[in-house]
Amino acid sequence: PNDLVFDALGNLYVTDHGKRDGRTLGLGAIHYGAPDGSFLRPVVS
């Protein structure tokens, strides 16, 4: 997880940068969730 921004409802969009090393790259995503731990789901992969 890398960066995040809140929307007007008080929920957040957060980027997952992915993991990479010298040989492999994990694809990243944007997720959407609540700041109280109640839900987080993928938005863009």
PDB file of all heavy atoms in Angstrom:
ATOM      1  N   PRO A   1       0.830  -1.212   0.000  1.00  0.00           N
ATOM      2  CA  PRO A   1       0.000   0.000   0.000  1.00  0.00           C
ATOM      3  C   PRO A   1       0.860   1.256   0.000  1.00  0.00           C
ATOM      4  O   PRO A   1       1.883   1.322   0.705  1.00  0.00           O
ATOM      5  CB  PRO A   1      -0.814  -0.137   1.283  1.00  0.00           C
ATOM      6  CG  PRO A   1      -0.926  -1.618   1.480  1.00  0.00           C
ATOM      7  CD  PRO A   1       0.409  -2.160   1.039  1.00  0.00           C
ATOM      8  N   ASN A   2       0.446   2.251  -0.796  1.00  0.00           N
ATOM      9  CA  ASN A   2       1.347   3.364  -1.070  1.00  0.00           C
ATOM     10  C   ASN A   2       0.760   4.732  -0.748  1.00  0.00           C
ATOM     11  O   ASN A   2       1.356   5.525  -0.033  1.00  0.00           O
ATOM     12  CB  ASN A   2       1.780   3.298  -2.537  1.00  0.00           C
ATOM     13  CG  ASN A   2       2.897   4.247  -2.874  1.00  0.00           C
ATOM     14  OD1 ASN A   2       2.691   5.448  -2.935  1.00  0.00           O
ATOM     15  ND2 ASN A   2       4.094   3.713  -3.083  1.00  0.00           N
ATOM     16  N   ASP A   3      -0.416   5.046  -1.295  1.00  0.00           N
ATOM     17  CA  ASP A   3      -0.974   6.389  -1.141  1.00  0.00           C
ATOM     18  C   ASP A   3      -2.490   6.278  -1.043  1.00  0.00           C
ATOM     19  O   ASP A   3      -3.082   5.284  -1.482  1.00  0.00           O
ATOM     20  CB  ASP A   3      -0.574   7.272  -2.330  1.00  0.00           C
ATOM     21  CG  ASP A   3      -0.845   8.744  -2.072  1.00  0.00           C
ATOM     22  OD1 ASP A   3      -0.847   9.161  -0.904  1.00  0.00           O
ATOM     23  OD2 ASP A   3      -1.069   9.484  -3.048  1.00  0.00           O
ATOM     24  N   LEU A   4      -3.138   7.315  -0.492  1.00  0.00           N
ATOM     25  CA  LEU A   4      -4.581   7.252  -0.296  1.00  0.00           C
ATOM     26  C   LEU A   4      -5.199   8.628  -0.283  1.00  0.00           C
ATOM     27  O   LEU A   4      -4.540   9.637  -0.045  1.00  0.00           O
ATOM     28  CB  LEU A   4      -4.909   6.508   1.002  1.00  0.00           C
ATOM     29  CG  LEU A   4      -4.421   7.076   2.329  1.00  0.00           C
ATOM     30  CD1 LEU A   4      -5.212   6.465   3.482  1.00  0.00           C
ATOM     31  CD2 LEU A   4      -2.949   6.763   2.563  1.00  0.00           C
ATOM     32  N   VAL A   5      -6.525   8.648  -0.579  1.00  0.00           N
ATOM     33  CA  VAL A   5      -7.291   9.884  -0.569  1.00  0.00           C
ATOM     34  C   VAL A   5      -8.715   9.556  -0.126  1.00  0.00           C
ATOM     35  O   VAL A   5      -9.257   8.507  -0.470  1.00  0.00           O
ATOM     36  CB  VAL A   5      -7.278  10.559  -1.964  1.00  0.00           C
ATOM     37  CG1 VAL A   5      -8.005   9.725  -3.015  1.00  0.00           C
ATOM     38  CG2 VAL A   5      -7.870  11.962  -1.896  1.00  0.00           C
ATOM     39  N   PHE A   6      -9.313  10.470   0.651  1.00  0.00           N
ATOM     40  CA  PHE A   6     -10.687  10.279   1.111  1.00  0.00           C
ATOM     41  C   PHE A   6     -11.679  10.910   0.150  1.00  0.00           C
ATOM     42  O   PHE A   6     -11.404  11.951  -0.459  1.00  0.00           O
ATOM     43  CB  PHE A   6     -10.867  10.902   2.496  1.00  0.00           C
ATOM     44  CG  PHE A   6     -10.386  10.030   3.612  1.00  0.00           C
ATOM     45  CD1 PHE A   6      -9.107  10.178   4.115  1.00  0.00           C
ATOM     46  CD2 PHE A   6     -11.205   9.061   4.159  1.00  0.00           C
ATOM     47  CE1 PHE A   6      -8.651   9.373   5.142  1.00  0.00           C
ATOM     48  CE2 PHE A   6     -10.772   8.249   5.177  1.00  0.00           C
ATOM     49  CZ  PHE A   6      -9.492   8.400   5.680  1.00  0.00           C
ATOM     50  N   ASP A   7     -12.860  10.280   0.030  1.00  0.00           N
ATOM     51  CA  ASP A   7     -13.946  10.882  -0.740  1.00  0.00           C
ATOM     52  C   ASP A   7     -14.906  11.597   0.213  1.00  0.00           C
ATOM     53  O   ASP A   7     -14.709  11.636   1.437  1.00  0.00           O
ATOM     54  CB  ASP A   7     -14.657   9.843  -1.611  1.00  0.00           C
ATOM     55  CG  ASP A   7     -15.441   8.793  -0.819  1.00  0.00           C
ATOM     56  OD1 ASP A   7     -15.577   8.922   0.416  1.00  0.00           O
ATOM     57  OD2 ASP A   7     -15.945   7.843  -1.453  1.00  0.00           O
ATOM     58  N   ALA A   8     -15.976  12.179  -0.340  1.00  0.00           N
ATOM     59  CA  ALA A   8     -16.898  12.981   0.455  1.00  0.00           C
ATOM     60  C   ALA A   8     -17.704  12.149   1.442  1.00  0.00           C
ATOM     61  O   ALA A   8     -18.294  12.704   2.379  1.00  0.00           O
ATOM     62  CB  ALA A   8     -17.835  13.754  -0.468  1.00  0.00           C
ATOM     63  N   LEU A   9     -17.748  10.829   1.251  1.00  0.00           N
ATOM     64  CA  LEU A   9     -18.460   9.963   2.186  1.00  0.00           C
ATOM     65  C   LEU A   9     -17.588   9.560   3.371  1.00  0.00           C
ATOM     66  O   LEU A   9     -18.061   8.898   4.295  1.00  0.00           O
ATOM     67  CB  LEU A   9     -18.956   8.702   1.468  1.00  0.00           C
ATOM     68  CG  LEU A   9     -20.005   8.911   0.376  1.00  0.00           C
ATOM     69  CD1 LEU A   9     -20.390   7.562  -0.235  1.00  0.00           C
ATOM     70  CD2 LEU A   9     -21.238   9.609   0.939  1.00  0.00           C
ATOM     71  N   GLY A  10     -16.317   9.922   3.315  1.00  0.00           N
ATOM     72  CA  GLY A  10     -15.411   9.542   4.387  1.00  0.00           C
ATOM     73  C   GLY A  10     -14.779   8.185   4.195  1.00  0.00           C
ATOM     74  O   GLY A  10     -14.176   7.644   5.122  1.00  0.00           O
ATOM     75  N   ASN A  11     -14.897   7.629   3.000  1.00  0.00           N
ATOM     76  CA  ASN A  11     -14.208   6.388   2.662  1.00  0.00           C
ATOM     77  C   ASN A  11     -12.957   6.717   1.847  1.00  0.00           C
ATOM     78  O   ASN A  11     -12.775   7.855   1.391  1.00  0.00           O
ATOM     79  CB  ASN A  11     -15.133   5.449   1.897  1.00  0.00           C
ATOM     80  CG  ASN A  11     -16.283   4.959   2.747  1.00  0.00           C
ATOM     81  OD1 ASN A  11     -16.121   4.713   3.945  1.00  0.00           O
ATOM     82  ND2 ASN A  11     -17.463   4.825   2.150  1.00  0.00           N
ATOM     83  N   LEU A  12     -12.104   5.735   1.659  1.00  0.00           N
ATOM     84  CA  LEU A  12     -10.807   6.021   1.069  1.00  0.00           C
ATOM     85  C   LEU A  12     -10.521   5.152  -0.153  1.00  0.00           C
ATOM     86  O   LEU A  12     -10.940   4.003  -0.239  1.00  0.00           O
ATOM     87  CB  LEU A  12      -9.697   5.834   2.102  1.00  0.00           C
ATOM     88  CG  LEU A  12      -9.576   4.479   2.805  1.00  0.00           C
ATOM     89  CD1 LEU A  12      -8.564   3.584   2.098  1.00  0.00           C
ATOM     90  CD2 LEU A  12      -9.168   4.666   4.253  1.00  0.00           C
ATOM     91  N   TYR A  13      -9.821   5.780  -1.093  1.00  0.00           N
ATOM     92  CA  TYR A  13      -9.189   5.069  -2.202  1.00  0.00           C
ATOM     93  C   TYR A  13      -7.704   4.939  -1.858  1.00  0.00           C
ATOM     94  O   TYR A  13      -7.069   5.921  -1.446  1.00  0.00           O
ATOM     95  CB  TYR A  13      -9.335   5.834  -3.512  1.00  0.00           C
ATOM     96  CG  TYR A  13     -10.744   5.920  -4.051  1.00  0.00           C
ATOM     97  CD1 TYR A  13     -11.582   6.975  -3.707  1.00  0.00           C
ATOM     98  CD2 TYR A  13     -11.235   4.941  -4.929  1.00  0.00           C
ATOM     99  CE1 TYR A  13     -12.879   7.054  -4.211  1.00  0.00           C
ATOM    100  CE2 TYR A  13     -12.521   5.020  -5.434  1.00  0.00           C
ATOM    101  CZ  TYR A  13     -13.337   6.073  -5.067  1.00  0.00           C
ATOM    102  OH  TYR A  13     -14.613   6.154  -5.568  1.00  0.00           O
ATOM    103  N   VAL A  14      -7.153   3.736  -2.015  1.00  0.00           N
ATOM    104  CA  VAL A  14      -5.755   3.503  -1.679  1.00  0.00           C
ATOM    105  C   VAL A  14      -5.092   2.695  -2.793  1.00  0.00           C
ATOM    106  O   VAL A  14      -5.690   1.769  -3.339  1.00  0.00           O
ATOM    107  CB  VAL A  14      -5.623   2.783  -0.316  1.00  0.00           C
ATOM    108  CG1 VAL A  14      -6.380   1.462  -0.304  1.00  0.00           C
ATOM    109  CG2 VAL A  14      -4.158   2.573   0.068  1.00  0.00           C
ATOM    110  N   THR A  15      -3.880   3.083  -3.145  1.00  0.00           N
ATOM    111  CA  THR A  15      -3.126   2.349  -4.151  1.00  0.00           C
ATOM    112  C   THR A  15      -2.280   1.256  -3.492  1.00  0.00           C
ATOM    113  O   THR A  15      -1.743   1.449  -2.405  1.00  0.00           O
ATOM    114  CB  THR A  15      -2.193   3.267  -4.953  1.00  0.00           C
ATOM    115  OG1 THR A  15      -1.347   4.000  -4.053  1.00  0.00           O
ATOM    116  CG2 THR A  15      -2.977   4.231  -5.815  1.00  0.00           C
ATOM    117  N   ASP A  16      -2.202   0.118  -4.177  1.00  0.00           N
ATOM    118  CA  ASP A  16      -1.251  -0.933  -3.821  1.00  0.00           C
ATOM    119  C   ASP A  16      -0.213  -0.953  -4.940  1.00  0.00           C
ATOM    120  O   ASP A  16      -0.510  -1.312  -6.085  1.00  0.00           O
ATOM    121  CB  ASP A  16      -1.949  -2.281  -3.691  1.00  0.00           C
ATOM    122  CG  ASP A  16      -1.025  -3.371  -3.161  1.00  0.00           C
ATOM    123  OD1 ASP A  16       0.202  -3.234  -3.311  1.00  0.00           O
ATOM    124  OD2 ASP A  16      -1.531  -4.367  -2.609  1.00  0.00           O
ATOM    125  N   HIS A  17       0.998  -0.546  -4.603  1.00  0.00           N
ATOM    126  CA  HIS A  17       2.066  -0.352  -5.584  1.00  0.00           C
ATOM    127  C   HIS A  17       2.523  -1.663  -6.209  1.00  0.00           C
ATOM    128  O   HIS A  17       3.049  -1.674  -7.329  1.00  0.00           O
ATOM    129  CB  HIS A  17       3.240   0.325  -4.870  1.00  0.00           C
ATOM    130  CG  HIS A  17       4.350   0.784  -5.745  1.00  0.00           C
ATOM    131  ND1 HIS A  17       4.230   1.872  -6.583  1.00  0.00           N
ATOM    132  CD2 HIS A  17       5.619   0.326  -5.901  1.00  0.00           C
ATOM    133  CE1 HIS A  17       5.378   2.070  -7.216  1.00  0.00           C
ATOM    134  NE2 HIS A  17       6.234   1.146  -6.822  1.00  0.00           N
ATOM    135  N   GLY A  18       2.309  -2.787  -5.506  1.00  0.00           N
ATOM    136  CA  GLY A  18       2.841  -4.067  -5.952  1.00  0.00           C
ATOM    137  C   GLY A  18       4.266  -4.258  -5.449  1.00  0.00           C
ATOM    138  O   GLY A  18       4.971  -3.305  -5.124  1.00  0.00           O
ATOM    139  N   LYS A  19       4.676  -5.510  -5.368  1.00  0.00           N
ATOM    140  CA  LYS A  19       6.050  -5.830  -4.979  1.00  0.00           C
ATOM    141  C   LYS A  19       6.871  -6.176  -6.217  1.00  0.00           C
ATOM    142  O   LYS A  19       6.370  -6.812  -7.153  1.00  0.00           O
ATOM    143  CB  LYS A  19       6.065  -7.034  -4.026  1.00  0.00           C
ATOM    144  CG  LYS A  19       5.508  -6.749  -2.638  1.00  0.00           C
ATOM    145  CD  LYS A  19       6.468  -5.948  -1.784  1.00  0.00           C
ATOM    146  CE  LYS A  19       5.982  -5.895  -0.335  1.00  0.00           C
ATOM    147  NZ  LYS A  19       6.860  -5.057   0.511  1.00  0.00           N
ATOM    148  N   ARG A  20       8.122  -5.754  -6.220  1.00  0.00           N
ATOM    149  CA  ARG A  20       8.998  -6.100  -7.332  1.00  0.00           C
ATOM    150  C   ARG A  20      10.412  -6.335  -6.809  1.00  0.00           C
ATOM    151  O   ARG A  20      10.816  -5.791  -5.781  1.00  0.00           O
ATOM    152  CB  ARG A  20       8.990  -5.015  -8.409  1.00  0.00           C
ATOM    153  CG  ARG A  20       9.552  -3.662  -8.004  1.00  0.00           C
ATOM    154  CD  ARG A  20       9.357  -2.662  -9.134  1.00  0.00           C
ATOM    155  NE  ARG A  20      10.026  -1.394  -8.932  1.00  0.00           N
ATOM    156  CZ  ARG A  20       9.481  -0.345  -8.319  1.00  0.00           C
ATOM    157  NH1 ARG A  20       8.261  -0.437  -7.821  1.00  0.00           N
ATOM    158  NH2 ARG A  20      10.159   0.772  -8.180  1.00  0.00           N
ATOM    159  N   ASP A  21      11.142  -7.160  -7.550  1.00  0.00           N
ATOM    160  CA  ASP A  21      12.558  -7.371  -7.273  1.00  0.00           C
ATOM    161  C   ASP A  21      13.286  -7.358  -8.612  1.00  0.00           C
ATOM    162  O   ASP A  21      12.752  -6.864  -9.613  1.00  0.00           O
ATOM    163  CB  ASP A  21      12.790  -8.672  -6.484  1.00  0.00           C
ATOM    164  CG  ASP A  21      12.222  -9.904  -7.182  1.00  0.00           C
ATOM    165  OD1 ASP A  21      12.175  -9.928  -8.433  1.00  0.00           O
ATOM    166  OD2 ASP A  21      11.818 -10.853  -6.479  1.00  0.00           O
ATOM    167  N   GLY A  22      14.490  -7.890  -8.648  1.00  0.00           N
ATOM    168  CA  GLY A  22      15.260  -7.843  -9.882  1.00  0.00           C
ATOM    169  C   GLY A  22      14.726  -8.711 -11.000  1.00  0.00           C
ATOM    170  O   GLY A  22      15.137  -8.558 -12.154  1.00  0.00           O
ATOM    171  N   ARG A  23      13.763  -9.608 -10.684  1.00  0.00           N
ATOM    172  CA  ARG A  23      13.293 -10.554 -11.699  1.00  0.00           C
ATOM    173  C   ARG A  23      11.780 -10.546 -11.890  1.00  0.00           C
ATOM    174  O   ARG A  23      11.303 -10.988 -12.943  1.00  0.00           O
ATOM    175  CB  ARG A  23      13.734 -11.972 -11.328  1.00  0.00           C
ATOM    176  CG  ARG A  23      15.237 -12.159 -11.260  1.00  0.00           C
ATOM    177  CD  ARG A  23      15.586 -13.534 -10.679  1.00  0.00           C
ATOM    178  NE  ARG A  23      15.106 -14.602 -11.546  1.00  0.00           N
ATOM    179  CZ  ARG A  23      15.864 -15.257 -12.398  1.00  0.00           C
ATOM    180  NH1 ARG A  23      17.150 -14.955 -12.509  1.00  0.00           N
ATOM    181  NH2 ARG A  23      15.377 -16.226 -13.145  1.00  0.00           N
ATOM    182  N   THR A  24      11.026 -10.096 -10.897  1.00  0.00           N
ATOM    183  CA  THR A  24       9.568 -10.198 -10.968  1.00  0.00           C
ATOM    184  C   THR A  24       8.908  -8.877 -10.580  1.00  0.00           C
ATOM    185  O   THR A  24       9.487  -8.055  -9.860  1.00  0.00           O
ATOM    186  CB  THR A  24       9.034 -11.306 -10.043  1.00  0.00           C
ATOM    187  OG1 THR A  24       9.355 -10.977  -8.677  1.00  0.00           O
ATOM    188  CG2 THR A  24       9.640 -12.655 -10.398  1.00  0.00           C
ATOM    189  N   LEU A  25       7.677  -8.709 -11.057  1.00  0.00           N
ATOM    190  CA  LEU A  25       6.882  -7.524 -10.757  1.00  0.00           C
ATOM    191  C   LEU A  25       5.456  -7.960 -10.469  1.00  0.00           C
ATOM    192  O   LEU A  25       4.826  -8.612 -11.309  1.00  0.00           O
ATOM    193  CB  LEU A  25       6.891  -6.541 -11.942  1.00  0.00           C
ATOM    194  CG  LEU A  25       5.893  -5.389 -11.903  1.00  0.00           C
ATOM    195  CD1 LEU A  25       6.222  -4.442 -10.744  1.00  0.00           C
ATOM    196  CD2 LEU A  25       5.899  -4.619 -13.224  1.00  0.00           C
ATOM    197  N   GLY A  26       4.965  -7.630  -9.293  1.00  0.00           N
ATOM    198  CA  GLY A  26       3.575  -7.880  -8.957  1.00  0.00           C
ATOM    199  C   GLY A  26       2.705  -6.729  -9.415  1.00  0.00           C
ATOM    200  O   GLY A  26       3.005  -5.561  -9.147  1.00  0.00           O
ATOM    201  N   LEU A  27       1.634  -7.027 -10.147  1.00  0.00           N
ATOM    202  CA  LEU A  27       0.747  -5.969 -10.615  1.00  0.00           C
ATOM    203  C   LEU A  27       0.060  -5.292  -9.441  1.00  0.00           C
ATOM    204  O   LEU A  27      -0.231  -5.909  -8.419  1.00  0.00           O
ATOM    205  CB  LEU A  27      -0.296  -6.546 -11.581  1.00  0.00           C
ATOM    206  CG  LEU A  27       0.256  -7.087 -12.898  1.00  0.00           C
ATOM    207  CD1 LEU A  27      -0.882  -7.674 -13.734  1.00  0.00           C
ATOM    208  CD2 LEU A  27       0.983  -5.998 -13.680  1.00  0.00           C
ATOM    209  N   GLY A  28      -0.215  -4.009  -9.609  1.00  0.00           N
ATOM    210  CA  GLY A  28      -0.804  -3.211  -8.552  1.00  0.00           C
ATOM    211  C   GLY A  28      -2.292  -2.994  -8.748  1.00  0.00           C
ATOM    212  O   GLY A  28      -2.900  -3.476  -9.712  1.00  0.00           O
ATOM    213  N   ALA A  29      -2.886  -2.227  -7.830  1.00  0.00           N
ATOM    214  CA  ALA A  29      -4.330  -2.044  -7.829  1.00  0.00           C
ATOM    215  C   ALA A  29      -4.705  -0.793  -7.063  1.00  0.00           C
ATOM    216  O   ALA A  29      -3.881  -0.187  -6.361  1.00  0.00           O
ATOM    217  CB  ALA A  29      -5.013  -3.262  -7.196  1.00  0.00           C
ATOM    218  N   ILE A  30      -5.971  -0.403  -7.226  1.00  0.00           N
ATOM    219  CA  ILE A  30      -6.602   0.610  -6.377  1.00  0.00           C
ATOM    220  C   ILE A  30      -7.718  -0.081  -5.618  1.00  0.00           C
ATOM    221  O   ILE A  30      -8.490  -0.855  -6.192  1.00  0.00           O
ATOM    222  CB  ILE A  30      -7.175   1.779  -7.203  1.00  0.00           C
ATOM    223  CG1 ILE A  30      -6.097   2.416  -8.074  1.00  0.00           C
ATOM    224  CG2 ILE A  30      -7.793   2.830  -6.277  1.00  0.00           C
ATOM    225  CD1 ILE A  30      -6.639   3.456  -9.045  1.00  0.00           C
ATOM    226  N   HIS A  31      -7.805   0.191  -4.317  1.00  0.00           N
ATOM    227  CA  HIS A  31      -8.845  -0.387  -3.473  1.00  0.00           C
ATOM    228  C   HIS A  31      -9.686   0.730  -2.857  1.00  0.00           C
ATOM    229  O   HIS A  31      -9.251   1.886  -2.789  1.00  0.00           O
ATOM    230  CB  HIS A  31      -8.223  -1.241  -2.369  1.00  0.00           C
ATOM    231  CG  HIS A  31      -7.340  -2.339  -2.883  1.00  0.00           C
ATOM    232  ND1 HIS A  31      -7.828  -3.580  -3.241  1.00  0.00           N
ATOM    233  CD2 HIS A  31      -6.004  -2.378  -3.122  1.00  0.00           C
ATOM    234  CE1 HIS A  31      -6.830  -4.333  -3.673  1.00  0.00           C
ATOM    235  NE2 HIS A  31      -5.715  -3.630  -3.608  1.00  0.00           N
ATOM    236  N   TYR A  32     -10.877   0.359  -2.394  1.00  0.00           N
ATOM    237  CA  TYR A  32     -11.805   1.317  -1.779  1.00  0.00           C
ATOM    238  C   TYR A  32     -12.307   0.723  -0.473  1.00  0.00           C
ATOM    239  O   TYR A  32     -12.705  -0.453  -0.436  1.00  0.00           O
ATOM    240  CB  TYR A  32     -12.979   1.585  -2.709  1.00  0.00           C
ATOM    241  CG  TYR A  32     -13.993   2.602  -2.213  1.00  0.00           C
ATOM    242  CD1 TYR A  32     -13.702   3.961  -2.237  1.00  0.00           C
ATOM    243  CD2 TYR A  32     -15.239   2.204  -1.737  1.00  0.00           C
ATOM    244  CE1 TYR A  32     -14.631   4.902  -1.808  1.00  0.00           C
ATOM    245  CE2 TYR A  32     -16.179   3.135  -1.317  1.00  0.00           C
ATOM    246  CZ  TYR A  32     -15.872   4.490  -1.351  1.00  0.00           C
ATOM    247  OH  TYR A  32     -16.791   5.413  -0.923  1.00  0.00           O
ATOM    248  N   GLY A  33     -12.275   1.513   0.589  1.00  0.00           N
ATOM    249  CA  GLY A  33     -12.705   0.971   1.866  1.00  0.00           C
ATOM    250  C   GLY A  33     -13.041   2.035   2.880  1.00  0.00           C
ATOM    251  O   GLY A  33     -12.915   3.242   2.634  1.00  0.00           O
ATOM    252  N   ALA A  34     -13.461   1.580   4.045  1.00  0.00           N
ATOM    253  CA  ALA A  34     -13.836   2.454   5.154  1.00  0.00           C
ATOM    254  C   ALA A  34     -12.662   2.594   6.120  1.00  0.00           C
ATOM    255  O   ALA A  34     -11.852   1.676   6.263  1.00  0.00           O
ATOM    256  CB  ALA A  34     -15.053   1.877   5.880  1.00  0.00           C
ATOM    257  N   PRO A  35     -12.567   3.739   6.810  1.00  0.00           N
ATOM    258  CA  PRO A  35     -11.442   3.948   7.721  1.00  0.00           C
ATOM    259  C   PRO A  35     -11.620   3.276   9.076  1.00  0.00           C
ATOM    260  O   PRO A  35     -10.791   3.482   9.968  1.00  0.00           O
ATOM    261  CB  PRO A  35     -11.407   5.472   7.862  1.00  0.00           C
ATOM    262  CG  PRO A  35     -12.818   5.899   7.703  1.00  0.00           C
ATOM    263  CD  PRO A  35     -13.403   4.949   6.686  1.00  0.00           C
ATOM    264  N   ASP A  36     -12.699   2.482   9.236  1.00  0.00           N
ATOM    265  CA  ASP A  36     -12.928   1.802  10.508  1.00  0.00           C
ATOM    266  C   ASP A  36     -12.660   0.306  10.441  1.00  0.00           C
ATOM    267  O   ASP A  36     -12.923  -0.426  11.399  1.00  0.00           O
ATOM    268  CB  ASP A  36     -14.367   2.034  10.990  1.00  0.00           C
ATOM    269  CG  ASP A  36     -15.420   1.505  10.009  1.00  0.00           C
ATOM    270  OD1 ASP A  36     -15.037   0.907   8.979  1.00  0.00           O
ATOM    271  OD2 ASP A  36     -16.621   1.696  10.280  1.00  0.00           O
ATOM    272  N   GLY A  37     -12.153  -0.186   9.311  1.00  0.00           N
ATOM    273  CA  GLY A  37     -11.833  -1.597   9.172  1.00  0.00           C
ATOM    274  C   GLY A  37     -12.995  -2.477   8.754  1.00  0.00           C
ATOM    275  O   GLY A  37     -12.858  -3.701   8.732  1.00  0.00           O
ATOM    276  N   SER A  38     -14.130  -1.864   8.366  1.00  0.00           N
ATOM    277  CA  SER A  38     -15.327  -2.668   8.095  1.00  0.00           C
ATOM    278  C   SER A  38     -15.350  -3.268   6.692  1.00  0.00           C
ATOM    279  O   SER A  38     -15.968  -4.311   6.476  1.00  0.00           O
ATOM    280  CB  SER A  38     -16.590  -1.832   8.317  1.00  0.00           C
ATOM    281  OG  SER A  38     -16.613  -0.693   7.473  1.00  0.00           O
ATOM    282  N   PHE A  39     -14.696  -2.631   5.704  1.00  0.00           N
ATOM    283  CA  PHE A  39     -14.640  -3.238   4.371  1.00  0.00           C
ATOM    284  C   PHE A  39     -13.539  -2.607   3.543  1.00  0.00           C
ATOM    285  O   PHE A  39     -13.210  -1.431   3.700  1.00  0.00           O
ATOM    286  CB  PHE A  39     -15.981  -3.107   3.625  1.00  0.00           C
ATOM    287  CG  PHE A  39     -16.235  -1.731   3.040  1.00  0.00           C
ATOM    288  CD1 PHE A  39     -15.849  -1.421   1.741  1.00  0.00           C
ATOM    289  CD2 PHE A  39     -16.862  -0.741   3.793  1.00  0.00           C
ATOM    290  CE1 PHE A  39     -16.080  -0.164   1.192  1.00  0.00           C
ATOM    291  CE2 PHE A  39     -17.099   0.517   3.257  1.00  0.00           C
ATOM    292  CZ  PHE A  39     -16.715   0.808   1.953  1.00  0.00           C
ATOM    293  N   LEU A  40     -12.962  -3.414   2.675  1.00  0.00           N
ATOM    294  CA  LEU A  40     -12.000  -2.971   1.678  1.00  0.00           C
ATOM    295  C   LEU A  40     -12.174  -3.869   0.470  1.00  0.00           C
ATOM    296  O   LEU A  40     -12.205  -5.098   0.607  1.00  0.00           O
ATOM    297  CB  LEU A  40     -10.564  -3.069   2.199  1.00  0.00           C
ATOM    298  CG  LEU A  40      -9.472  -2.547   1.250  1.00  0.00           C
ATOM    299  CD1 LEU A  40      -9.530  -1.023   1.153  1.00  0.00           C
ATOM    300  CD2 LEU A  40      -8.083  -2.996   1.706  1.00  0.00           C
ATOM    301  N   ARG A  41     -12.305  -3.275  -0.723  1.00  0.00           N
ATOM    302  CA  ARG A  41     -12.524  -4.074  -1.929  1.00  0.00           C
ATOM    303  C   ARG A  41     -11.743  -3.482  -3.102  1.00  0.00           C
ATOM    304  O   ARG A  41     -11.487  -2.271  -3.153  1.00  0.00           O
ATOM    305  CB  ARG A  41     -14.013  -4.131  -2.273  1.00  0.00           C
ATOM    306  CG  ARG A  41     -14.652  -2.792  -2.606  1.00  0.00           C
ATOM    307  CD  ARG A  41     -16.086  -2.963  -3.087  1.00  0.00           C
ATOM    308  NE  ARG A  41     -16.688  -1.701  -3.513  1.00  0.00           N
ATOM    309  CZ  ARG A  41     -17.461  -0.951  -2.766  1.00  0.00           C
ATOM    310  NH1 ARG A  41     -17.737  -1.308  -1.514  1.00  0.00           N
ATOM    311  NH2 ARG A  41     -17.982   0.173  -3.247  1.00  0.00           N
ATOM    312  N   PRO A  42     -11.372  -4.325  -4.076  1.00  0.00           N
ATOM    313  CA  PRO A  42     -10.654  -3.815  -5.241  1.00  0.00           C
ATOM    314  C   PRO A  42     -11.557  -2.956  -6.133  1.00  0.00           C
ATOM    315  O   PRO A  42     -12.750  -3.227  -6.276  1.00  0.00           O
ATOM    316  CB  PRO A  42     -10.228  -5.091  -5.976  1.00  0.00           C
ATOM    317  CG  PRO A  42     -10.410  -6.204  -4.998  1.00  0.00           C
ATOM    318  CD  PRO A  42     -11.511  -5.787  -4.090  1.00  0.00           C
ATOM    319  N   VAL A  43     -10.965  -1.943  -6.741  1.00  0.00           N
ATOM    320  CA  VAL A  43     -11.668  -1.069  -7.687  1.00  0.00           C
ATOM    321  C   VAL A  43     -11.071  -1.196  -9.081  1.00  0.00           C
ATOM    322  O   VAL A  43     -11.787  -1.354 -10.064  1.00  0.00           O
ATOM    323  CB  VAL A  43     -11.597   0.404  -7.223  1.00  0.00           C
ATOM    324  CG1 VAL A  43     -12.265   1.332  -8.238  1.00  0.00           C
ATOM    325  CG2 VAL A  43     -12.240   0.568  -5.849  1.00  0.00           C
ATOM    326  N   VAL A  44      -9.749  -1.118  -9.187  1.00  0.00           N
ATOM    327  CA  VAL A  44      -9.026  -1.252 -10.451  1.00  0.00           C
ATOM    328  C   VAL A  44      -7.860  -2.195 -10.207  1.00  0.00           C
ATOM    329  O   VAL A  44      -7.146  -2.061  -9.204  1.00  0.00           O
ATOM    330  CB  VAL A  44      -8.496   0.100 -10.965  1.00  0.00           C
ATOM    331  CG1 VAL A  44      -7.739  -0.083 -12.283  1.00  0.00           C
ATOM    332  CG2 VAL A  44      -9.622   1.108 -11.139  1.00  0.00           C
ATOM    333  N   SER A  45      -7.645  -3.137 -11.115  1.00  0.00           N
ATOM    334  CA  SER A  45      -6.506  -4.042 -11.007  1.00  0.00           C
ATOM    335  C   SER A  45      -5.675  -3.972 -12.283  1.00  0.00           C
ATOM    336  O   SER A  45      -6.055  -3.313 -13.257  1.00  0.00           O
ATOM    337  CB  SER A  45      -6.982  -5.476 -10.752  1.00  0.00           C
ATOM    338  OG  SER A  45      -7.822  -5.912 -11.809  1.00  0.00           O
TER     339      SER A  45
END
